[in-house]
Protein backbone atom coordinates (compact mmCIF):
# COMPACT_ATOMS: atom_id res chain seq x y z
CA MET A 1 3.96 41.18 21.98
CA THR A 2 0.71 39.26 21.71
CA ASP A 3 0.74 39.53 17.91
CA ILE A 4 4.31 38.23 17.77
CA ALA A 5 3.46 35.30 20.04
CA CYS A 6 0.45 34.41 17.90
CA GLU A 7 2.56 34.55 14.76
CA ILE A 8 5.20 32.28 16.28
CA GLN A 9 2.52 29.84 17.37
CA THR A 10 0.97 29.84 13.89
CA LEU A 11 4.32 29.19 12.25
CA GLY A 12 5.01 26.36 14.67
CA THR A 13 1.66 24.76 13.91
CA ALA A 14 2.18 25.15 10.17
CA ASP A 15 5.54 23.38 10.41
CA ARG A 16 4.32 20.59 12.69
CA LEU A 17 4.22 17.18 11.04
CA VAL A 18 1.67 15.26 13.10
CA THR A 19 -1.11 17.83 13.36
CA PRO A 20 -4.52 16.94 14.83
CA GLN A 21 -5.79 16.36 11.29
CA PHE A 22 -2.89 14.04 10.49
CA ALA A 23 -3.37 12.18 13.78
CA ARG A 24 -7.06 11.61 12.97
CA LEU A 25 -6.11 10.32 9.54
CA LEU A 26 -3.59 7.90 11.04
CA VAL A 27 -6.21 6.59 13.48
CA MET A 28 -8.62 6.01 10.60
CA VAL A 29 -5.94 4.33 8.47
CA PHE A 30 -4.95 2.00 11.30
CA GLY A 31 -8.56 0.97 11.97
CA SER A 32 -9.42 0.38 8.33
CA GLY A 33 -6.18 -1.53 7.78
CA LEU A 34 -6.94 -3.70 10.79
CA SER A 35 -10.40 -4.39 9.37
CA MET A 36 -8.84 -5.56 6.14
CA TYR A 37 -6.05 -7.72 7.55
CA LEU A 38 -8.16 -9.37 10.24
CA LEU A 39 -10.10 -11.03 7.43
CA THR A 40 -7.41 -11.42 4.76
CA SER A 41 -6.53 -14.96 5.83
CA VAL A 42 -9.79 -15.66 7.68
CA VAL A 43 -12.22 -15.39 4.74
CA PRO A 44 -10.38 -18.12 2.79
CA LEU A 45 -10.44 -20.27 5.96
CA TYR A 46 -14.15 -19.55 6.36
CA LEU A 47 -14.87 -20.65 2.81
CA ALA A 48 -12.71 -23.74 3.13
CA ALA A 49 -14.49 -24.70 6.37
CA SER A 50 -17.81 -24.24 4.58
CA GLY A 51 -16.90 -26.64 1.80
CA SER A 52 -15.79 -24.24 -0.94
CA GLY A 53 -12.23 -25.59 -0.89
CA GLY A 54 -9.12 -24.00 -2.35
CA ILE A 55 -10.95 -22.66 -5.40
CA GLY A 56 -13.26 -20.56 -3.25
CA ALA A 57 -10.36 -19.35 -1.14
CA GLY A 58 -8.44 -18.21 -4.20
CA LEU A 59 -11.49 -16.54 -5.70
CA SER A 60 -12.09 -14.53 -2.54
CA THR A 61 -8.64 -12.93 -2.63
CA GLY A 62 -8.76 -12.43 -6.41
CA ALA A 63 -12.19 -10.82 -6.29
CA MET A 64 -11.09 -8.30 -3.67
CA MET A 65 -7.90 -7.30 -5.50
CA LEU A 66 -9.53 -7.01 -8.93
CA SER A 67 -12.27 -4.88 -7.44
CA ALA A 68 -9.67 -2.65 -5.78
CA VAL A 69 -7.76 -2.12 -9.03
CA ALA A 70 -10.95 -1.22 -10.92
CA MET A 71 -12.11 1.21 -8.24
CA GLU A 72 -8.75 2.98 -8.05
CA LEU A 73 -9.41 4.38 -11.51
CA LEU A 74 -12.54 6.13 -10.22
CA VAL A 75 -11.35 7.56 -6.91
CA PRO A 76 -9.77 10.82 -8.25
CA ALA A 77 -13.13 11.83 -9.76
CA MET A 78 -14.85 10.95 -6.48
CA LEU A 79 -12.44 13.16 -4.53
CA VAL A 80 -13.29 16.09 -6.79
CA ARG A 81 -17.04 15.54 -6.58
CA PHE A 82 -17.50 14.45 -2.95
CA GLY A 83 -14.36 15.79 -1.25
CA TYR A 84 -12.13 13.96 1.20
CA ARG A 85 -14.69 13.44 3.96
CA GLY A 86 -17.44 12.13 1.71
CA THR A 87 -15.13 9.84 -0.27
CA LEU A 88 -13.29 8.43 2.75
CA GLY A 89 -16.57 7.97 4.61
CA LEU A 90 -17.92 5.89 1.73
CA GLY A 91 -14.72 3.83 1.74
CA LEU A 92 -15.03 3.10 5.47
CA ILE A 93 -18.61 1.95 5.04
CA LEU A 94 -17.88 -0.25 2.02
CA LEU A 95 -14.92 -1.87 3.74
CA GLY A 96 -16.58 -2.41 7.12
CA ALA A 97 -20.33 -2.93 6.77
CA PRO A 98 -20.28 -5.90 4.34
CA SER A 99 -18.35 -7.93 6.92
CA LEU A 100 -21.61 -8.22 8.84
CA VAL A 101 -23.14 -10.15 5.95
CA LEU A 102 -20.64 -12.94 6.61
CA VAL A 103 -22.18 -13.47 10.04
CA VAL A 104 -25.31 -14.93 8.45
CA THR A 105 -24.02 -16.70 5.34
CA SER A 106 -21.10 -18.69 3.96
CA SER A 107 -22.57 -19.00 0.47
CA LEU A 108 -19.72 -18.63 -2.02
CA PRO A 109 -21.52 -16.15 -4.35
CA LEU A 110 -22.48 -13.92 -1.41
CA VAL A 111 -19.03 -14.11 0.16
CA LEU A 112 -17.47 -13.15 -3.19
CA ALA A 113 -19.89 -10.23 -3.45
CA VAL A 114 -18.76 -9.10 0.00
CA CYS A 115 -15.14 -9.33 -1.13
CA VAL A 116 -15.88 -7.23 -4.21
CA VAL A 117 -17.53 -4.49 -2.15
CA ARG A 118 -14.77 -4.55 0.48
CA GLY A 119 -12.16 -4.32 -2.29
CA ALA A 120 -13.85 -1.18 -3.59
CA GLY A 121 -13.83 0.30 -0.09
CA LEU A 122 -10.16 -0.54 0.32
CA ALA A 123 -9.28 1.19 -2.95
CA ILE A 124 -11.14 4.33 -1.95
CA LEU A 125 -9.35 4.47 1.39
CA VAL A 126 -5.80 3.88 0.17
CA VAL A 127 -6.05 6.34 -2.72
CA GLY A 128 -7.88 8.99 -0.69
CA ALA A 129 -5.67 8.65 2.38
CA VAL A 130 -2.39 8.95 0.48
CA ALA A 131 -3.68 12.03 -1.35
CA LEU A 132 -4.77 13.57 1.95
CA VAL A 133 -1.36 12.93 3.53
CA ALA A 134 0.24 14.99 0.77
CA GLU A 135 -2.45 17.64 1.27
CA ILE A 136 -2.07 18.20 5.01
CA THR A 137 1.68 17.78 5.57
CA PRO A 138 4.15 20.64 5.04
CA ALA A 139 5.71 20.41 1.57
CA HIS A 140 9.27 20.39 2.91
CA ARG A 141 8.40 17.46 5.24
CA ARG A 142 6.15 15.54 2.88
CA GLY A 143 8.55 12.62 2.51
CA GLU A 144 8.73 12.18 6.27
CA GLY A 145 4.95 12.45 6.49
CA LEU A 146 4.56 9.71 3.90
CA GLY A 147 7.06 7.67 5.93
CA VAL A 148 5.02 8.03 9.11
CA TYR A 149 1.93 7.05 7.14
CA GLY A 150 3.82 4.04 5.79
CA ILE A 151 4.67 2.82 9.28
CA VAL A 152 1.09 3.18 10.52
CA VAL A 153 -0.39 1.54 7.43
CA GLY A 154 2.04 -1.36 7.84
CA LEU A 155 1.19 -2.08 11.47
CA PRO A 156 -2.24 -3.66 10.84
CA ALA A 157 -0.66 -6.32 8.62
CA GLY A 158 1.72 -7.43 11.35
CA ILE A 159 -1.07 -7.41 13.92
CA GLY A 160 -4.16 -8.40 11.97
CA LEU A 161 -2.90 -11.35 9.92
CA PRO A 162 -1.87 -13.56 12.87
CA LEU A 163 -4.53 -12.14 15.21
CA GLY A 164 -7.38 -12.91 12.83
CA VAL A 165 -6.39 -16.57 12.48
CA TYR A 166 -5.86 -16.85 16.25
CA LEU A 167 -9.22 -15.31 17.13
CA THR A 168 -11.14 -17.72 14.93
CA ASN A 169 -10.23 -20.42 17.45
CA VAL A 170 -11.01 -18.20 20.46
CA VAL A 171 -14.19 -16.26 19.60
CA GLY A 172 -15.26 -17.86 16.32
CA PHE A 173 -15.81 -16.49 12.82
CA GLU A 174 -18.98 -14.53 13.58
CA VAL A 175 -17.51 -12.40 16.38
CA LEU A 176 -14.43 -11.72 14.27
CA PHE A 177 -16.57 -10.48 11.38
CA VAL A 178 -18.26 -8.02 13.74
CA LEU A 179 -14.90 -6.83 15.07
CA ALA A 180 -13.67 -6.23 11.52
CA ALA A 181 -16.77 -4.18 10.76
CA VAL A 182 -16.37 -2.08 13.93
CA ALA A 183 -12.66 -1.44 13.24
CA SER A 184 -13.49 0.21 9.92
CA LEU A 185 -16.77 1.94 10.82
CA ALA A 186 -15.20 3.50 13.94
CA GLY A 187 -13.17 5.68 11.57
CA LEU A 188 -16.33 7.62 10.73
CA ALA A 189 -16.01 9.31 14.13
CA VAL A 190 -12.78 11.11 13.14
CA LEU A 191 -13.89 12.29 9.69
CA PRO A 192 -15.47 15.60 10.81
CA GLY A 193 -12.02 16.86 11.86
CA MET A 194 -10.52 16.33 8.42
CA PRO A 195 -10.50 18.80 5.53
CA GLN A 196 -13.25 18.46 2.97
CA ARG A 197 -11.45 19.78 -0.08
CA SER A 198 -8.01 20.90 -1.21
CA THR A 199 -6.79 24.07 0.47
CA GLU A 200 -5.24 25.23 -2.79
CA GLY A 201 -5.97 25.01 -6.45
CA ALA A 202 -9.72 25.42 -6.12
CA GLY A 203 -9.74 27.35 -9.36
CA GLU A 204 -7.35 25.01 -11.18
CA GLU A 205 -8.38 22.36 -13.64
CA GLN A 206 -9.08 19.14 -11.74
CA HIS A 207 -7.35 16.17 -13.39
CA VAL A 208 -9.61 13.26 -12.61
CA LYS A 209 -8.58 10.86 -15.38
CA VAL A 210 -5.97 8.60 -13.83
CA LEU A 211 -4.18 7.77 -17.07
CA GLY A 212 -4.83 11.15 -18.70
CA GLY A 213 -2.27 13.93 -19.04
CA LEU A 214 0.72 11.69 -18.27
CA ARG A 215 2.81 12.79 -21.22
CA GLY A 216 5.35 15.33 -20.06
CA SER A 217 4.06 15.19 -16.50
CA GLY A 218 7.13 13.46 -15.07
CA LEU A 219 4.95 10.73 -13.53
CA LEU A 220 5.76 7.87 -15.91
CA MET A 221 9.29 7.19 -14.63
CA PRO A 222 8.43 6.79 -10.92
CA THR A 223 5.29 4.81 -11.83
CA PHE A 224 7.29 2.42 -14.00
CA VAL A 225 10.15 1.83 -11.54
CA PHE A 226 7.75 1.31 -8.63
CA ALA A 227 5.74 -1.22 -10.63
CA ALA A 228 8.96 -3.13 -11.31
CA VAL A 229 9.70 -3.36 -7.59
CA THR A 230 6.15 -4.41 -6.70
CA VAL A 231 6.39 -7.21 -9.26
CA ALA A 232 9.27 -8.63 -7.21
CA ALA A 233 7.41 -8.01 -3.94
CA GLY A 234 4.36 -9.94 -5.07
CA ILE A 235 6.51 -12.80 -6.31
CA SER A 236 8.58 -13.08 -3.12
CA VAL A 237 5.56 -13.12 -0.78
CA THR A 238 3.61 -15.56 -2.95
CA PHE A 239 6.29 -18.03 -4.00
CA LEU A 240 8.98 -17.93 -1.32
CA PRO A 241 6.93 -20.28 0.91
CA LEU A 242 6.63 -22.70 -2.01
CA ALA A 243 10.24 -22.56 -3.16
CA ALA A 244 12.13 -22.61 0.16
CA HIS A 245 12.98 -25.86 1.90
CA SER A 246 12.32 -24.65 5.44
CA HIS A 247 9.12 -23.07 6.73
CA ALA A 248 11.11 -21.60 9.63
CA VAL A 249 13.43 -19.79 7.21
CA VAL A 250 10.44 -18.48 5.27
CA ALA A 251 8.81 -17.19 8.45
CA VAL A 252 11.98 -15.37 9.54
CA ALA A 253 12.58 -13.96 6.04
CA LEU A 254 9.04 -12.61 5.66
CA LEU A 255 9.12 -11.16 9.17
CA ILE A 256 12.38 -9.35 8.46
CA GLN A 257 11.01 -8.03 5.18
CA SER A 258 7.80 -6.82 6.83
CA VAL A 259 9.78 -5.00 9.54
CA THR A 260 12.51 -3.44 7.39
CA ALA A 261 10.15 -2.14 4.69
CA PRO A 262 8.15 0.36 6.81
CA ALA A 263 11.28 1.42 8.72
CA ALA A 264 13.07 2.11 5.43
CA ARG A 265 9.98 3.90 4.13
CA TRP A 266 10.15 6.35 7.03
CA LEU A 267 13.94 6.84 6.88
CA ALA A 268 13.84 7.35 3.11
CA GLY A 269 11.22 10.04 3.65
CA ARG A 270 13.42 11.96 6.08
CA LEU A 271 16.48 11.69 3.83
CA GLY A 272 14.41 12.46 0.74
CA ASP A 273 13.20 15.72 2.29
CA ARG A 274 16.83 16.70 2.80
CA PHE A 275 18.52 15.52 -0.39
CA GLY A 276 15.63 15.10 -2.82
CA PRO A 277 13.75 11.80 -3.31
CA VAL A 278 14.76 11.26 -6.92
CA LYS A 279 18.45 11.26 -5.99
CA LEU A 280 17.97 8.37 -3.57
CA LEU A 281 15.78 6.25 -5.83
CA ALA A 282 18.54 4.43 -7.76
CA PRO A 283 20.34 3.17 -4.60
CA ALA A 284 17.01 1.91 -3.24
CA LEU A 285 16.36 -0.01 -6.46
CA VAL A 286 19.86 -1.51 -6.36
CA LEU A 287 19.19 -2.85 -2.86
CA ALA A 288 15.85 -4.26 -3.99
CA ALA A 289 17.45 -5.91 -7.04
CA LEU A 290 20.19 -7.49 -4.91
CA GLY A 291 17.58 -8.76 -2.47
CA ALA A 292 15.49 -10.25 -5.28
CA ALA A 293 18.62 -11.85 -6.76
CA SER A 294 19.41 -13.57 -3.47
CA LEU A 295 16.46 -15.89 -4.04
CA ILE A 296 18.45 -17.50 -6.85
CA PHE A 297 20.22 -19.29 -3.99
CA ILE A 298 16.94 -20.50 -2.54
CA GLY A 299 18.61 -23.43 -0.81
CA SER A 300 20.77 -21.17 1.37
CA PRO A 301 19.05 -19.88 4.54
CA VAL A 302 21.63 -17.10 4.88
CA ALA A 303 21.06 -15.88 1.32
CA VAL A 304 17.28 -15.92 1.74
CA ILE A 305 17.28 -14.06 5.07
CA VAL A 306 19.94 -11.49 4.15
CA GLY A 307 18.29 -11.01 0.78
CA SER A 308 14.91 -10.45 2.39
CA ALA A 309 16.41 -7.72 4.56
CA SER A 310 18.01 -6.08 1.53
CA PHE A 311 14.80 -6.30 -0.49
CA GLY A 312 12.72 -5.01 2.42
CA ILE A 313 14.93 -1.94 2.75
CA GLY A 314 14.95 -1.28 -0.99
CA PHE A 315 11.22 -1.90 -1.39
CA GLY A 316 10.25 0.28 1.58
CA ALA A 317 12.52 3.12 0.43
CA ALA A 318 11.20 2.87 -3.14
CA GLN A 319 7.63 3.12 -1.87
CA ASN A 320 8.33 6.48 -0.28
CA LEU A 321 10.73 7.90 -2.85
CA THR A 322 8.58 7.18 -5.90
CA LEU A 323 5.48 8.63 -4.28
CA ALA A 324 7.30 11.73 -3.00
CA THR A 325 8.82 12.27 -6.45
CA MET A 326 5.38 12.08 -8.06
CA TYR A 327 3.93 14.61 -5.62
CA ASP A 328 6.90 16.95 -6.11
CA ARG A 329 6.19 16.93 -9.83
CA SER A 330 2.45 17.56 -9.52
CA PRO A 331 0.17 20.43 -8.50
CA LYS A 332 -2.41 19.80 -5.81
CA SER A 333 -5.10 19.45 -8.46
CA ARG A 334 -3.37 16.22 -9.51
CA TYR A 335 -2.91 14.69 -6.05
CA GLY A 336 -5.80 12.26 -6.52
CA GLN A 337 -4.37 11.16 -9.88
CA VAL A 338 -0.91 10.65 -8.35
CA SER A 339 -2.29 8.55 -5.52
CA ALA A 340 -4.35 6.42 -7.90
CA LEU A 341 -1.42 5.88 -10.27
CA TRP A 342 0.88 4.85 -7.44
CA ASN A 343 -1.64 2.42 -6.00
CA LEU A 344 -2.33 0.98 -9.44
CA ALA A 345 1.40 0.35 -9.85
CA TYR A 346 1.40 -1.31 -6.44
CA ASP A 347 -1.61 -3.59 -6.91
CA GLY A 348 -1.08 -4.19 -10.62
CA GLY A 349 2.61 -5.04 -10.30
CA TRP A 350 1.91 -7.28 -7.33
CA GLY A 351 -0.87 -9.22 -9.05
CA VAL A 352 0.55 -9.40 -12.58
CA GLY A 353 3.98 -10.43 -11.32
CA ALA A 354 2.58 -13.28 -9.26
CA ILE A 355 0.38 -14.52 -12.11
CA LEU A 356 3.14 -14.45 -14.76
CA PHE A 357 5.69 -16.00 -12.41
CA GLY A 358 3.32 -18.85 -11.69
CA LEU A 359 2.91 -19.48 -15.43
CA VAL A 360 6.65 -19.61 -16.22
CA VAL A 361 8.17 -21.16 -13.14
CA ALA A 362 7.02 -24.67 -14.05
CA GLY A 363 9.06 -24.50 -17.26
CA ILE A 364 12.28 -22.88 -16.07
CA GLY A 365 12.44 -23.61 -12.34
CA TYR A 366 12.59 -21.32 -9.35
CA PRO A 367 16.26 -20.16 -9.50
CA VAL A 368 16.01 -19.00 -13.12
CA ALA A 369 12.61 -17.43 -12.54
CA PHE A 370 13.93 -15.51 -9.54
CA ALA A 371 16.88 -14.35 -11.67
CA VAL A 372 14.45 -12.95 -14.24
CA THR A 373 12.61 -11.17 -11.44
CA ALA A 374 15.84 -9.56 -10.22
CA ALA A 375 16.64 -8.49 -13.79
CA ILE A 376 13.29 -6.68 -14.05
CA VAL A 377 14.12 -4.65 -10.96
CA ALA A 378 17.68 -4.04 -12.20
CA VAL A 379 16.39 -2.63 -15.50
CA ALA A 380 14.39 -0.07 -13.52
CA VAL A 381 17.65 1.30 -12.12
CA ILE A 382 18.50 2.80 -15.53
CA PRO A 383 15.70 5.43 -15.73
CA ALA A 384 16.17 6.15 -12.01
CA VAL A 385 19.86 6.97 -12.58
CA LYS A 386 18.99 9.18 -15.56
CA ALA A 387 16.42 11.07 -13.49
CA SER A 388 18.93 11.52 -10.66
CA LEU A 389 21.58 12.94 -12.99
CA SER A 390 19.13 15.42 -14.49
CA ALA A 391 17.69 16.51 -11.11
């Protein structure tokens, strides 16, 4: 009887979604995300208050994102060499500790150096954490696990962005920089309870080249379609405030988008576990395309708000479904590569889309430029439909 009870307990633990390891990972992700978002809007304010102006503010954001993209190419190799605990620990330190430098200087070169180091830490954490989620969640509940992760990783943005700006007027820049450092470094306390290396595939070839071995791997389609959606996401967040006539409408639209995206990410994970993520990808992209197209009618508050809800749902669902599809098509030895590819599509699509949109919008106007954006997302529906039919 005792043996049977132990076996039942083991099976129950194996099937549980939020295990102690997963809970520790979520705590770490929340803290590191809070560290990032507390300073996302504050560092540009800090530079502007110190006399660096808009150029310095723009450089600070650009330096962090470019550093993150470059580092994402290296993280899979780091996971193989140093394991999850060593790699994530380095990421927590690089993201948190440099914030303390800002307490003693507002020099533009030093602040930009801090942004570069923090961007590297951010890249390590997002790539390593996503790979670890796939590692420690049951395969048949992986989509739901990625959805739970998506909700937790989205919370710091909603909390940290407004809180950081508010606290600058309450406690000042210096105290806020210390709080950001503590939020990230506190994650070191939960690392010992996490796995060090993959539980399977120890003898398999470790694929550490992010762009290597893609031919025939089944990873190109979900990478491409996700990049198309992130292009639209970067454009909407960057240019909606500039194109819309009402700041109140923009605030409501962005709030709705930020709420619907993580909720849809979780729901898509649950449904994807049941029906298969690739089968749900095309409908998600259609919703995202319709939402992006709504911005053609930028003068209509209803179109902007309803469209933001539609895009938020489609974007959040696509986040989960593309990542789950990539993991389903990969052995555990490729989990680091999958995570890096997905994050590259996210950051690259976001940044490239915003840059190109800014270059062309002056010549063709916002409505036409938003129409082109929607068309890019719509084109991505085609390979998603083909993949669904062949699944």
